[in-house]
């Protein structure tokens, strides 16, 4: 049964109890936004942002690693209190916060290939790899073109990877001509793969998507979402949010 966050808040106010941990789901395959560090701990921009906001509200945080495809499910079913890095509009049992992380997506090619990408439509001419279910994250026109058909099949030039490590490897192994990815994530994996793959090609970053992709946190309780938004706004205003971004550059 879903734990009532409002009940917890009331208990804290009435009894002076110790801070309660809220369960927060993260997809940990997105460094530097969320990942497992060398010590085996879940770290990253999203992790630090949510932890800081919850601390301001008097809560601790218990991390629950889950796959991207299950983030909303675990909120809807009450397995967690919050899911990080999702998109959507408020519905019956899920309430979305203001943005917690901004992704700047580019189509990246090797300069030596001489590929010209002026608009999204130019991707039609090239094989490209994107993250899992990326077809749904880059706007309605992109989704309409690249979503799977009724049989689950994708367009011939569209490839998606289950992990962003695999996505990067596909590009560097030259199995595709283009990788569509957030620039920070791309550079992170480029550094990680340098010891095992040739990743020193000169690149071109094509800014064809024009706008970034903003991800929110999803809550099972509207009141908690509202309090979270107030604390998040204060965090941005006092410079803490920018300090977290700077930490992972």
C-alpha atoms as a PDB file:
ATOM      1  CA  UNK A   1       0.000   0.000   0.000  1.00  0.00           C
ATOM      2  CA  UNK A   2       1.297   3.461  -0.850  1.00  0.00           C
ATOM      3  CA  UNK A   3       2.809   5.216   2.142  1.00  0.00           C
ATOM      4  CA  UNK A   4       1.087   8.503   2.892  1.00  0.00           C
ATOM      5  CA  UNK A   5       3.680  11.272   2.893  1.00  0.00           C
ATOM      6  CA  UNK A   6       1.161  13.669   4.422  1.00  0.00           C
ATOM      7  CA  UNK A   7       0.764  11.319   7.365  1.00  0.00           C
ATOM      8  CA  UNK A   8       4.525  11.266   7.852  1.00  0.00           C
ATOM      9  CA  UNK A   9       4.706  15.043   7.741  1.00  0.00           C
ATOM     10  CA  UNK A  10       1.979  15.335  10.363  1.00  0.00           C
ATOM     11  CA  UNK A  11       3.762  12.829  12.574  1.00  0.00           C
ATOM     12  CA  UNK A  12       6.985  14.783  12.363  1.00  0.00           C
ATOM     13  CA  UNK A  13       5.257  18.016  13.297  1.00  0.00           C
ATOM     14  CA  UNK A  14       3.375  16.517  16.223  1.00  0.00           C
ATOM     15  CA  UNK A  15       6.040  14.316  17.734  1.00  0.00           C
ATOM     16  CA  UNK A  16       9.342  15.932  16.792  1.00  0.00           C
ATOM     17  CA  UNK A  17      10.398  12.597  15.336  1.00  0.00           C
ATOM     18  CA  UNK A  18      13.659  12.135  13.488  1.00  0.00           C
ATOM     19  CA  UNK A  19      13.714  12.877   9.767  1.00  0.00           C
ATOM     20  CA  UNK A  20      12.091  10.140   7.721  1.00  0.00           C
ATOM     21  CA  UNK A  21      13.734   8.721   4.612  1.00  0.00           C
ATOM     22  CA  UNK A  22      11.705   8.979   1.430  1.00  0.00           C
ATOM     23  CA  UNK A  23      12.242   6.348  -1.247  1.00  0.00           C
ATOM     24  CA  UNK A  24      13.499   7.930  -4.471  1.00  0.00           C
ATOM     25  CA  UNK A  25      13.891   5.962  -7.717  1.00  0.00           C
ATOM     26  CA  UNK A  26      16.762   6.796 -10.071  1.00  0.00           C
ATOM     27  CA  UNK A  27      17.822   5.421 -13.416  1.00  0.00           C
ATOM     28  CA  UNK A  28      21.562   5.130 -12.731  1.00  0.00           C
ATOM     29  CA  UNK A  29      22.704   4.852 -16.355  1.00  0.00           C
ATOM     30  CA  UNK A  30      23.040   8.589 -16.998  1.00  0.00           C
ATOM     31  CA  UNK A  31      26.339   9.988 -15.761  1.00  0.00           C
ATOM     32  CA  UNK A  32      26.885  12.749 -14.785  1.00  0.00           C
ATOM     33  CA  UNK A  33      23.170  13.050 -13.919  1.00  0.00           C
ATOM     34  CA  UNK A  34      22.804   9.727 -12.075  1.00  0.00           C
ATOM     35  CA  UNK A  35      25.339   6.899 -11.918  1.00  0.00           C
ATOM     36  CA  UNK A  36      27.128   4.429  -9.657  1.00  0.00           C
ATOM     37  CA  UNK A  37      30.539   5.805  -8.672  1.00  0.00           C
ATOM     38  CA  UNK A  38      33.776   3.920  -8.069  1.00  0.00           C
ATOM     39  CA  UNK A  39      32.825   3.338  -4.431  1.00  0.00           C
ATOM     40  CA  UNK A  40      29.527   1.756  -5.414  1.00  0.00           C
ATOM     41  CA  UNK A  41      27.405   4.731  -4.368  1.00  0.00           C
ATOM     42  CA  UNK A  42      24.707   6.344  -6.502  1.00  0.00           C
ATOM     43  CA  UNK A  43      25.843   9.871  -7.326  1.00  0.00           C
ATOM     44  CA  UNK A  44      25.239  12.631  -9.840  1.00  0.00           C
ATOM     45  CA  UNK A  45      23.494  15.928 -10.509  1.00  0.00           C
ATOM     46  CA  UNK A  46      19.945  14.623 -10.060  1.00  0.00           C
ATOM     47  CA  UNK A  47      20.887  12.747  -6.893  1.00  0.00           C
ATOM     48  CA  UNK A  48      22.493  15.801  -5.292  1.00  0.00           C
ATOM     49  CA  UNK A  49      19.640  18.102  -6.312  1.00  0.00           C
ATOM     50  CA  UNK A  50      16.903  15.912  -4.863  1.00  0.00           C
ATOM     51  CA  UNK A  51      18.885  15.129  -1.723  1.00  0.00           C
ATOM     52  CA  UNK A  52      19.464  18.845  -1.114  1.00  0.00           C
ATOM     53  CA  UNK A  53      15.778  19.706  -1.606  1.00  0.00           C
ATOM     54  CA  UNK A  54      14.616  16.917   0.698  1.00  0.00           C
ATOM     55  CA  UNK A  55      17.118  17.984   3.347  1.00  0.00           C
ATOM     56  CA  UNK A  56      15.629  21.471   3.242  1.00  0.00           C
ATOM     57  CA  UNK A  57      12.222  19.907   3.840  1.00  0.00           C
ATOM     58  CA  UNK A  58      13.445  17.801   6.763  1.00  0.00           C
ATOM     59  CA  UNK A  59      13.612  14.423   5.000  1.00  0.00           C
ATOM     60  CA  UNK A  60      16.345  11.923   4.312  1.00  0.00           C
ATOM     61  CA  UNK A  61      16.580   9.925   1.084  1.00  0.00           C
ATOM     62  CA  UNK A  62      16.719   6.205   0.372  1.00  0.00           C
ATOM     63  CA  UNK A  63      17.820   5.504  -3.201  1.00  0.00           C
ATOM     64  CA  UNK A  64      16.081   2.820  -5.275  1.00  0.00           C
ATOM     65  CA  UNK A  65      17.866   2.129  -8.603  1.00  0.00           C
ATOM     66  CA  UNK A  66      15.380   1.165 -11.339  1.00  0.00           C
ATOM     67  CA  UNK A  67      15.364   1.077 -15.129  1.00  0.00           C
ATOM     68  CA  UNK A  68      14.096   4.077 -17.072  1.00  0.00           C
ATOM     69  CA  UNK A  69      11.051   2.147 -18.242  1.00  0.00           C
ATOM     70  CA  UNK A  70       9.918   1.473 -14.631  1.00  0.00           C
ATOM     71  CA  UNK A  71      10.352   4.951 -13.144  1.00  0.00           C
ATOM     72  CA  UNK A  72       6.710   5.983 -13.397  1.00  0.00           C
ATOM     73  CA  UNK A  73       5.433   2.506 -12.602  1.00  0.00           C
ATOM     74  CA  UNK A  74       7.109   2.410  -9.190  1.00  0.00           C
ATOM     75  CA  UNK A  75       5.523   5.756  -8.287  1.00  0.00           C
ATOM     76  CA  UNK A  76       2.056   4.770  -9.501  1.00  0.00           C
ATOM     77  CA  UNK A  77       2.177   1.536  -7.522  1.00  0.00           C
ATOM     78  CA  UNK A  78       3.501   3.166  -4.353  1.00  0.00           C
ATOM     79  CA  UNK A  79       6.813   1.313  -4.329  1.00  0.00           C
ATOM     80  CA  UNK A  80       8.621   4.647  -4.020  1.00  0.00           C
ATOM     81  CA  UNK A  81       7.655   8.164  -2.993  1.00  0.00           C
ATOM     82  CA  UNK A  82       9.497   9.957  -5.802  1.00  0.00           C
ATOM     83  CA  UNK A  83      10.922   9.050  -9.201  1.00  0.00           C
ATOM     84  CA  UNK A  84      13.670  11.204 -10.688  1.00  0.00           C
ATOM     85  CA  UNK A  85      14.065  12.390 -14.266  1.00  0.00           C
ATOM     86  CA  UNK A  86      10.690  11.803 -15.874  1.00  0.00           C
ATOM     87  CA  UNK A  87       8.336  13.771 -18.088  1.00  0.00           C
ATOM     88  CA  UNK A  88       4.582  14.157 -18.145  1.00  0.00           C
ATOM     89  CA  UNK A  89       1.553  16.040 -16.884  1.00  0.00           C
ATOM     90  CA  UNK A  90      -0.253  15.533 -13.602  1.00  0.00           C
ATOM     91  CA  UNK A  91      -2.579  12.553 -13.590  1.00  0.00           C
ATOM     92  CA  UNK A  92      -4.645  10.740 -11.011  1.00  0.00           C
ATOM     93  CA  UNK A  93      -1.826   9.255  -8.964  1.00  0.00           C
ATOM     94  CA  UNK A  94       1.309  11.042 -10.210  1.00  0.00           C
ATOM     95  CA  UNK A  95       2.270  14.690  -9.793  1.00  0.00           C
ATOM     96  CA  UNK A  96       5.220  16.287 -11.586  1.00  0.00           C
ATOM     97  CA  UNK A  97       7.652  18.821 -10.163  1.00  0.00           C
ATOM     98  CA  UNK A  98       9.337  21.711 -11.874  1.00  0.00           C
ATOM     99  CA  UNK A  99      12.445  20.731 -13.839  1.00  0.00           C
ATOM    100  CA  UNK A 100      15.305  19.159 -11.910  1.00  0.00           C
ATOM    101  CA  UNK A 101      17.698  18.531 -14.823  1.00  0.00           C
ATOM    102  CA  UNK A 102      18.161  20.027 -18.277  1.00  0.00           C
ATOM    103  CA  UNK A 103      19.583  17.907 -21.086  1.00  0.00           C
ATOM    104  CA  UNK A 104      21.196  19.598 -24.108  1.00  0.00           C
ATOM    105  CA  UNK A 105      20.866  17.123 -26.937  1.00  0.00           C
ATOM    106  CA  UNK A 106      23.006  17.213 -30.065  1.00  0.00           C
ATOM    107  CA  UNK A 107      23.441  15.101 -33.159  1.00  0.00           C
ATOM    108  CA  UNK A 108      27.170  14.335 -33.147  1.00  0.00           C
ATOM    109  CA  UNK A 109      29.211  13.203 -36.154  1.00  0.00           C
ATOM    110  CA  UNK A 110      32.841  12.737 -37.104  1.00  0.00           C
ATOM    111  CA  UNK A 111      34.237  15.721 -38.976  1.00  0.00           C
ATOM    112  CA  UNK A 112      35.999  13.476 -41.494  1.00  0.00           C
ATOM    113  CA  UNK A 113      32.632  12.067 -42.601  1.00  0.00           C
ATOM    114  CA  UNK A 114      31.532  15.484 -43.840  1.00  0.00           C
ATOM    115  CA  UNK A 115      27.930  14.966 -42.744  1.00  0.00           C
ATOM    116  CA  UNK A 116      25.689  18.033 -42.975  1.00  0.00           C
ATOM    117  CA  UNK A 117      22.810  18.192 -40.499  1.00  0.00           C
ATOM    118  CA  UNK A 118      20.856  21.431 -40.609  1.00  0.00           C
ATOM    119  CA  UNK A 119      17.491  20.136 -39.377  1.00  0.00           C
ATOM    120  CA  UNK A 120      16.011  17.043 -37.769  1.00  0.00           C
ATOM    121  CA  UNK A 121      14.826  15.940 -41.213  1.00  0.00           C
ATOM    122  CA  UNK A 122      18.457  15.483 -42.286  1.00  0.00           C
ATOM    123  CA  UNK A 123      18.719  12.525 -39.904  1.00  0.00           C
ATOM    124  CA  UNK A 124      16.616  10.577 -42.412  1.00  0.00           C
ATOM    125  CA  UNK A 125      19.729  10.168 -44.542  1.00  0.00           C
ATOM    126  CA  UNK A 126      21.923   8.613 -41.855  1.00  0.00           C
ATOM    127  CA  UNK A 127      21.967   5.781 -39.359  1.00  0.00           C
ATOM    128  CA  UNK A 128      21.856   7.147 -35.834  1.00  0.00           C
ATOM    129  CA  UNK A 129      21.770   5.755 -32.321  1.00  0.00           C
ATOM    130  CA  UNK A 130      19.791   7.245 -29.452  1.00  0.00           C
ATOM    131  CA  UNK A 131      19.013   6.285 -25.864  1.00  0.00           C
ATOM    132  CA  UNK A 132      16.273   3.838 -24.914  1.00  0.00           C
ATOM    133  CA  UNK A 133      12.870   5.182 -26.021  1.00  0.00           C
ATOM    134  CA  UNK A 134      14.545   8.369 -27.203  1.00  0.00           C
ATOM    135  CA  UNK A 135      11.929   8.662 -29.923  1.00  0.00           C
ATOM    136  CA  UNK A 136       9.510   9.901 -27.241  1.00  0.00           C
ATOM    137  CA  UNK A 137      11.744  12.594 -25.729  1.00  0.00           C
ATOM    138  CA  UNK A 138      12.471  15.081 -28.516  1.00  0.00           C
ATOM    139  CA  UNK A 139       9.117  16.573 -29.350  1.00  0.00           C
ATOM    140  CA  UNK A 140       5.967  15.561 -31.205  1.00  0.00           C
ATOM    141  CA  UNK A 141       7.421  15.741 -34.731  1.00  0.00           C
ATOM    142  CA  UNK A 142      10.364  13.506 -33.826  1.00  0.00           C
ATOM    143  CA  UNK A 143       8.068  11.100 -32.005  1.00  0.00           C
ATOM    144  CA  UNK A 144       5.644  10.890 -34.920  1.00  0.00           C
ATOM    145  CA  UNK A 145       8.464   9.966 -37.288  1.00  0.00           C
ATOM    146  CA  UNK A 146      10.494   7.571 -35.153  1.00  0.00           C
ATOM    147  CA  UNK A 147       8.067   5.863 -32.815  1.00  0.00           C
ATOM    148  CA  UNK A 148       7.767   2.084 -33.411  1.00  0.00           C
ATOM    149  CA  UNK A 149       4.978   0.871 -35.643  1.00  0.00           C
ATOM    150  CA  UNK A 150       2.144  -1.412 -34.562  1.00  0.00           C
ATOM    151  CA  UNK A 151       4.525  -4.380 -34.758  1.00  0.00           C
ATOM    152  CA  UNK A 152       7.217  -2.720 -32.617  1.00  0.00           C
ATOM    153  CA  UNK A 153       9.504  -2.062 -35.584  1.00  0.00           C
ATOM    154  CA  UNK A 154      11.541   1.121 -35.988  1.00  0.00           C
ATOM    155  CA  UNK A 155      12.600   2.994 -39.113  1.00  0.00           C
ATOM    156  CA  UNK A 156      15.627   1.385 -40.767  1.00  0.00           C
ATOM    157  CA  UNK A 157      18.013   4.221 -39.824  1.00  0.00           C
ATOM    158  CA  UNK A 158      16.934   4.416 -36.168  1.00  0.00           C
ATOM    159  CA  UNK A 159      18.759   2.451 -33.459  1.00  0.00           C
ATOM    160  CA  UNK A 160      18.371   2.670 -29.702  1.00  0.00           C
ATOM    161  CA  UNK A 161      20.480   1.185 -26.931  1.00  0.00           C
ATOM    162  CA  UNK A 162      19.434  -0.238 -23.590  1.00  0.00           C
ATOM    163  CA  UNK A 163      22.222   1.688 -21.834  1.00  0.00           C
ATOM    164  CA  UNK A 164      24.036   4.881 -22.714  1.00  0.00           C
ATOM    165  CA  UNK A 165      27.349   3.094 -22.332  1.00  0.00           C
ATOM    166  CA  UNK A 166      26.248   0.792 -25.150  1.00  0.00           C
ATOM    167  CA  UNK A 167      24.988   3.775 -27.132  1.00  0.00           C
ATOM    168  CA  UNK A 168      28.436   5.374 -27.006  1.00  0.00           C
ATOM    169  CA  UNK A 169      30.166   2.134 -27.937  1.00  0.00           C
ATOM    170  CA  UNK A 170      27.944   1.740 -30.993  1.00  0.00           C
ATOM    171  CA  UNK A 171      28.989   5.182 -32.219  1.00  0.00           C
ATOM    172  CA  UNK A 172      32.712   4.782 -31.540  1.00  0.00           C
ATOM    173  CA  UNK A 173      32.679   1.327 -33.148  1.00  0.00           C
ATOM    174  CA  UNK A 174      31.394   3.056 -36.329  1.00  0.00           C
ATOM    175  CA  UNK A 175      28.222   1.020 -36.539  1.00  0.00           C
ATOM    176  CA  UNK A 176      26.302   4.268 -37.073  1.00  0.00           C
ATOM    177  CA  UNK A 177      27.241   7.668 -38.481  1.00  0.00           C
ATOM    178  CA  UNK A 178      25.443   9.797 -35.871  1.00  0.00           C
ATOM    179  CA  UNK A 179      24.824   9.682 -32.144  1.00  0.00           C
ATOM    180  CA  UNK A 180      21.987  11.703 -30.602  1.00  0.00           C
ATOM    181  CA  UNK A 181      22.755  12.402 -26.965  1.00  0.00           C
ATOM    182  CA  UNK A 182      23.142  15.011 -24.259  1.00  0.00           C
ATOM    183  CA  UNK A 183      26.561  16.627 -24.591  1.00  0.00           C
ATOM    184  CA  UNK A 184      27.536  16.095 -20.941  1.00  0.00           C
ATOM    185  CA  UNK A 185      26.638  12.398 -21.080  1.00  0.00           C
ATOM    186  CA  UNK A 186      28.537  11.986 -24.347  1.00  0.00           C
ATOM    187  CA  UNK A 187      31.708  13.576 -22.968  1.00  0.00           C
ATOM    188  CA  UNK A 188      31.474  11.510 -19.784  1.00  0.00           C
ATOM    189  CA  UNK A 189      31.438   8.231 -21.692  1.00  0.00           C
ATOM    190  CA  UNK A 190      34.054   9.448 -24.130  1.00  0.00           C
ATOM    191  CA  UNK A 191      36.417   9.879 -21.201  1.00  0.00           C
ATOM    192  CA  UNK A 192      35.476   6.489 -19.713  1.00  0.00           C
ATOM    193  CA  UNK A 193      35.980   4.632 -23.012  1.00  0.00           C
ATOM    194  CA  UNK A 194      39.300   6.263 -23.877  1.00  0.00           C
ATOM    195  CA  UNK A 195      41.250   3.390 -22.329  1.00  0.00           C
ATOM    196  CA  UNK A 196      39.597   0.728 -24.475  1.00  0.00           C
ATOM    197  CA  UNK A 197      38.449   2.404 -27.710  1.00  0.00           C
ATOM    198  CA  UNK A 198      39.649   5.004 -30.184  1.00  0.00           C
ATOM    199  CA  UNK A 199      37.662   8.090 -29.229  1.00  0.00           C
ATOM    200  CA  UNK A 200      39.900  10.942 -30.377  1.00  0.00           C
ATOM    201  CA  UNK A 201      38.210  11.713 -33.699  1.00  0.00           C
ATOM    202  CA  UNK A 202      37.462  15.357 -34.382  1.00  0.00           C
ATOM    203  CA  UNK A 203      33.729  15.835 -33.999  1.00  0.00           C
ATOM    204  CA  UNK A 204      30.935  18.134 -35.102  1.00  0.00           C
ATOM    205  CA  UNK A 205      28.100  18.954 -32.694  1.00  0.00           C
ATOM    206  CA  UNK A 206      24.958  19.709 -34.693  1.00  0.00           C
ATOM    207  CA  UNK A 207      22.450  21.804 -32.721  1.00  0.00           C
ATOM    208  CA  UNK A 208      19.400  20.642 -34.672  1.00  0.00           C
ATOM    209  CA  UNK A 209      17.014  20.141 -31.762  1.00  0.00           C
ATOM    210  CA  UNK A 210      17.218  23.819 -30.733  1.00  0.00           C
ATOM    211  CA  UNK A 211      15.670  23.346 -27.303  1.00  0.00           C
ATOM    212  CA  UNK A 212      16.883  21.302 -24.368  1.00  0.00           C
ATOM    213  CA  UNK A 213      14.919  18.495 -22.768  1.00  0.00           C
ATOM    214  CA  UNK A 214      13.852  19.173 -19.198  1.00  0.00           C
ATOM    215  CA  UNK A 215      13.102  16.333 -16.803  1.00  0.00           C
ATOM    216  CA  UNK A 216      11.136  16.543 -13.580  1.00  0.00           C
ATOM    217  CA  UNK A 217      10.562  14.423 -10.503  1.00  0.00           C
ATOM    218  CA  UNK A 218       7.294  12.494 -10.100  1.00  0.00           C
ATOM    219  CA  UNK A 219       5.474  12.264  -6.774  1.00  0.00           C
ATOM    220  CA  UNK A 220       2.669  10.150  -5.418  1.00  0.00           C
ATOM    221  CA  UNK A 221       1.436  13.066  -3.281  1.00  0.00           C
ATOM    222  CA  UNK A 222       0.447  16.487  -4.624  1.00  0.00           C
ATOM    223  CA  UNK A 223       1.209  18.361  -1.386  1.00  0.00           C
ATOM    224  CA  UNK A 224       4.741  16.976  -1.243  1.00  0.00           C
ATOM    225  CA  UNK A 225       5.293  17.941  -4.890  1.00  0.00           C
ATOM    226  CA  UNK A 226       4.220  21.499  -4.103  1.00  0.00           C
ATOM    227  CA  UNK A 227       6.602  21.781  -1.142  1.00  0.00           C
ATOM    228  CA  UNK A 228       9.389  20.300  -3.246  1.00  0.00           C
ATOM    229  CA  UNK A 229       8.865  22.978  -5.913  1.00  0.00           C
ATOM    230  CA  UNK A 230       9.146  25.785  -3.362  1.00  0.00           C
ATOM    231  CA  UNK A 231      12.407  24.397  -1.981  1.00  0.00           C
ATOM    232  CA  UNK A 232      13.775  23.758  -5.485  1.00  0.00           C
ATOM    233  CA  UNK A 233      13.084  27.362  -6.475  1.00  0.00           C
ATOM    234  CA  UNK A 234      14.919  28.591  -3.375  1.00  0.00           C
ATOM    235  CA  UNK A 235      17.816  26.282  -4.150  1.00  0.00           C
ATOM    236  CA  UNK A 236      18.172  27.757  -7.631  1.00  0.00           C
ATOM    237  CA  UNK A 237      17.921  31.309  -6.282  1.00  0.00           C
ATOM    238  CA  UNK A 238      20.637  30.922  -3.633  1.00  0.00           C
ATOM    239  CA  UNK A 239      23.191  29.387  -6.023  1.00  0.00           C
ATOM    240  CA  UNK A 240      23.158  25.843  -4.637  1.00  0.00           C
ATOM    241  CA  UNK A 241      21.783  24.370  -7.852  1.00  0.00           C
ATOM    242  CA  UNK A 242      24.522  25.949  -9.971  1.00  0.00           C
ATOM    243  CA  UNK A 243      27.168  24.784  -7.498  1.00  0.00           C
ATOM    244  CA  UNK A 244      25.972  21.197  -7.997  1.00  0.00           C
ATOM    245  CA  UNK A 245      26.212  21.573 -11.795  1.00  0.00           C
ATOM    246  CA  UNK A 246      29.751  22.956 -11.435  1.00  0.00           C
ATOM    247  CA  UNK A 247      30.762  19.977  -9.294  1.00  0.00           C
ATOM    248  CA  UNK A 248      30.214  17.571 -12.200  1.00  0.00           C
ATOM    249  CA  UNK A 249      31.852  19.573 -15.003  1.00  0.00           C
END
